[in-house]
């Protein structure tokens, strides 16, 4: 289904809520599978490592891609990192990975905040450019020298 028209704010809000639910649902499913992979003794260590890299990549994407929806970003990163980190902390052999994941989660939090700030600055610059263009357009129609 396509996005609703811009003039319908309520429909836009509903669409964003549905989108957020779908995105967070897929994140929760991924996190559940990651925890299962991490605790299942039958799964080879290489598969566990690859899935952990996938989880780290997924959380990195959330930190940088969804900057306009900071709440979704934070919840998504939490869904991915917290259960996985908890499982890693329980295994004494994997505690160094757990520490690394914990430190990376702190980095992701800072990166998400920075991406959000950059996003907002970009919106402000774009808005200022539109306003300036509109002023120049208005002046070009009313200025006695040009019109």
Protein backbone atom coordinates (compact mmCIF):
# COMPACT_ATOMS: atom_id res chain seq x y z
CA UNK A 1 0.00 0.00 0.00
CA UNK A 2 1.24 3.45 -0.81
CA UNK A 3 1.63 6.35 1.56
CA UNK A 4 -1.43 8.50 2.16
CA UNK A 5 -1.60 12.07 0.84
CA UNK A 6 0.49 14.69 2.65
CA UNK A 7 -2.51 16.83 3.57
CA UNK A 8 -4.07 14.02 5.65
CA UNK A 9 -2.03 14.17 8.88
CA UNK A 10 -4.06 11.50 10.68
CA UNK A 11 -3.61 9.03 7.82
CA UNK A 12 0.11 9.85 7.70
CA UNK A 13 0.38 9.13 11.44
CA UNK A 14 -1.43 5.79 11.05
CA UNK A 15 0.83 4.85 8.15
CA UNK A 16 3.98 5.69 10.14
CA UNK A 17 2.69 3.66 13.10
CA UNK A 18 2.04 0.63 10.87
CA UNK A 19 5.47 1.01 9.28
CA UNK A 20 7.13 1.24 12.69
CA UNK A 21 5.29 -1.85 13.95
CA UNK A 22 6.33 -3.84 10.89
CA UNK A 23 9.96 -2.72 11.19
CA UNK A 24 10.14 -3.48 14.90
CA UNK A 25 8.39 -6.84 14.40
CA UNK A 26 11.05 -7.94 11.94
CA UNK A 27 13.71 -6.70 14.36
CA UNK A 28 12.18 -8.72 17.21
CA UNK A 29 12.03 -11.84 15.02
CA UNK A 30 15.69 -11.39 14.08
CA UNK A 31 16.62 -10.92 17.75
CA UNK A 32 14.74 -14.08 18.74
CA UNK A 33 16.51 -16.10 16.08
CA UNK A 34 19.85 -14.61 17.15
CA UNK A 35 19.26 -15.65 20.77
CA UNK A 36 18.25 -19.14 19.66
CA UNK A 37 21.40 -19.44 17.53
CA UNK A 38 23.56 -18.20 20.41
CA UNK A 39 22.21 -20.68 22.97
CA UNK A 40 21.81 -23.79 20.80
CA UNK A 41 24.87 -26.02 21.38
CA UNK A 42 24.32 -27.86 18.08
CA UNK A 43 24.89 -24.77 15.95
CA UNK A 44 28.55 -24.45 14.86
CA UNK A 45 30.60 -21.51 16.20
CA UNK A 46 31.08 -20.13 12.68
CA UNK A 47 27.32 -19.81 12.21
CA UNK A 48 27.08 -18.13 15.61
CA UNK A 49 29.77 -15.64 14.60
CA UNK A 50 28.16 -14.87 11.26
CA UNK A 51 24.77 -14.35 12.87
CA UNK A 52 26.33 -12.05 15.48
CA UNK A 53 27.92 -10.01 12.69
CA UNK A 54 24.50 -9.82 11.06
CA UNK A 55 22.96 -8.57 14.29
CA UNK A 56 25.67 -5.93 14.63
CA UNK A 57 25.14 -4.85 11.02
CA UNK A 58 21.36 -4.72 11.49
CA UNK A 59 21.72 -2.53 14.58
CA UNK A 60 24.17 -0.26 12.75
CA UNK A 61 21.67 0.20 9.93
CA UNK A 62 19.01 1.14 12.46
CA UNK A 63 21.31 3.74 14.02
CA UNK A 64 21.97 5.47 10.70
CA UNK A 65 18.93 4.83 8.51
CA UNK A 66 15.99 5.59 10.77
CA UNK A 67 17.26 8.87 12.21
CA UNK A 68 13.93 10.57 11.63
CA UNK A 69 12.27 8.10 14.02
CA UNK A 70 14.63 8.11 16.99
CA UNK A 71 12.26 6.18 19.27
CA UNK A 72 12.05 3.34 16.76
CA UNK A 73 15.82 3.38 16.38
CA UNK A 74 16.45 3.11 20.12
CA UNK A 75 13.84 0.38 20.59
CA UNK A 76 15.17 -1.56 17.60
CA UNK A 77 18.77 -1.39 18.78
CA UNK A 78 17.64 -2.45 22.24
CA UNK A 79 15.70 -5.39 20.81
CA UNK A 80 18.79 -6.55 18.97
CA UNK A 81 21.55 -5.85 21.46
CA UNK A 82 20.04 -6.49 24.91
CA UNK A 83 18.92 -10.14 24.51
CA UNK A 84 22.02 -11.06 22.53
CA UNK A 85 24.29 -9.35 25.04
CA UNK A 86 22.51 -11.06 27.92
CA UNK A 87 23.05 -14.49 26.38
CA UNK A 88 26.70 -13.68 25.69
CA UNK A 89 27.27 -12.48 29.27
CA UNK A 90 25.94 -15.82 30.59
CA UNK A 91 28.70 -17.81 28.87
CA UNK A 92 32.11 -17.19 30.51
CA UNK A 93 33.88 -17.99 27.23
CA UNK A 94 31.90 -15.30 25.40
CA UNK A 95 32.09 -12.51 27.95
CA UNK A 96 34.72 -10.63 25.94
CA UNK A 97 32.24 -10.62 23.04
CA UNK A 98 29.56 -9.45 25.46
CA UNK A 99 31.79 -6.60 26.61
CA UNK A 100 32.54 -5.66 23.01
CA UNK A 101 28.84 -5.73 22.15
CA UNK A 102 28.04 -3.59 25.19
CA UNK A 103 30.65 -1.00 24.17
CA UNK A 104 29.36 -1.10 20.61
CA UNK A 105 25.84 -0.47 21.89
CA UNK A 106 27.12 2.68 23.61
CA UNK A 107 28.72 3.75 20.33
CA UNK A 108 25.47 3.06 18.46
CA UNK A 109 23.57 5.22 20.92
CA UNK A 110 25.96 8.10 20.31
CA UNK A 111 25.88 7.50 16.55
CA UNK A 112 22.07 7.50 16.52
CA UNK A 113 21.98 10.78 18.42
CA UNK A 114 24.55 12.28 16.05
CA UNK A 115 22.68 11.05 12.99
CA UNK A 116 19.48 12.53 14.41
CA UNK A 117 21.19 15.90 14.98
CA UNK A 118 22.61 15.85 11.43
CA UNK A 119 19.17 14.99 10.05
CA UNK A 120 17.54 17.89 11.90
CA UNK A 121 20.28 20.31 10.75
CA UNK A 122 19.73 19.19 7.17
CA UNK A 123 15.99 19.80 7.49
CA UNK A 124 16.65 23.30 8.85
CA UNK A 125 19.03 24.10 5.98
CA UNK A 126 16.54 22.80 3.41
CA UNK A 127 13.76 24.86 4.98
CA UNK A 128 15.93 27.99 4.97
CA UNK A 129 16.77 27.45 1.29
CA UNK A 130 13.10 27.08 0.39
CA UNK A 131 12.25 30.27 2.30
CA UNK A 132 15.08 32.15 0.59
CA UNK A 133 13.97 30.92 -2.84
CA UNK A 134 10.41 32.01 -2.11
CA UNK A 135 11.60 35.47 -1.01
CA UNK A 136 13.66 35.91 -4.18
CA UNK A 137 10.73 34.76 -6.28
CA UNK A 138 8.46 37.28 -4.58
CA UNK A 139 11.03 40.05 -5.03
CA UNK A 140 11.39 39.23 -8.72
CA UNK A 141 7.66 39.81 -9.19
CA UNK A 142 7.46 43.02 -7.16
CA UNK A 143 10.82 44.68 -7.81
CA UNK A 144 10.43 47.66 -10.14
CA UNK A 145 13.80 47.01 -11.78
CA UNK A 146 13.00 43.46 -12.82
CA UNK A 147 9.37 43.52 -13.34
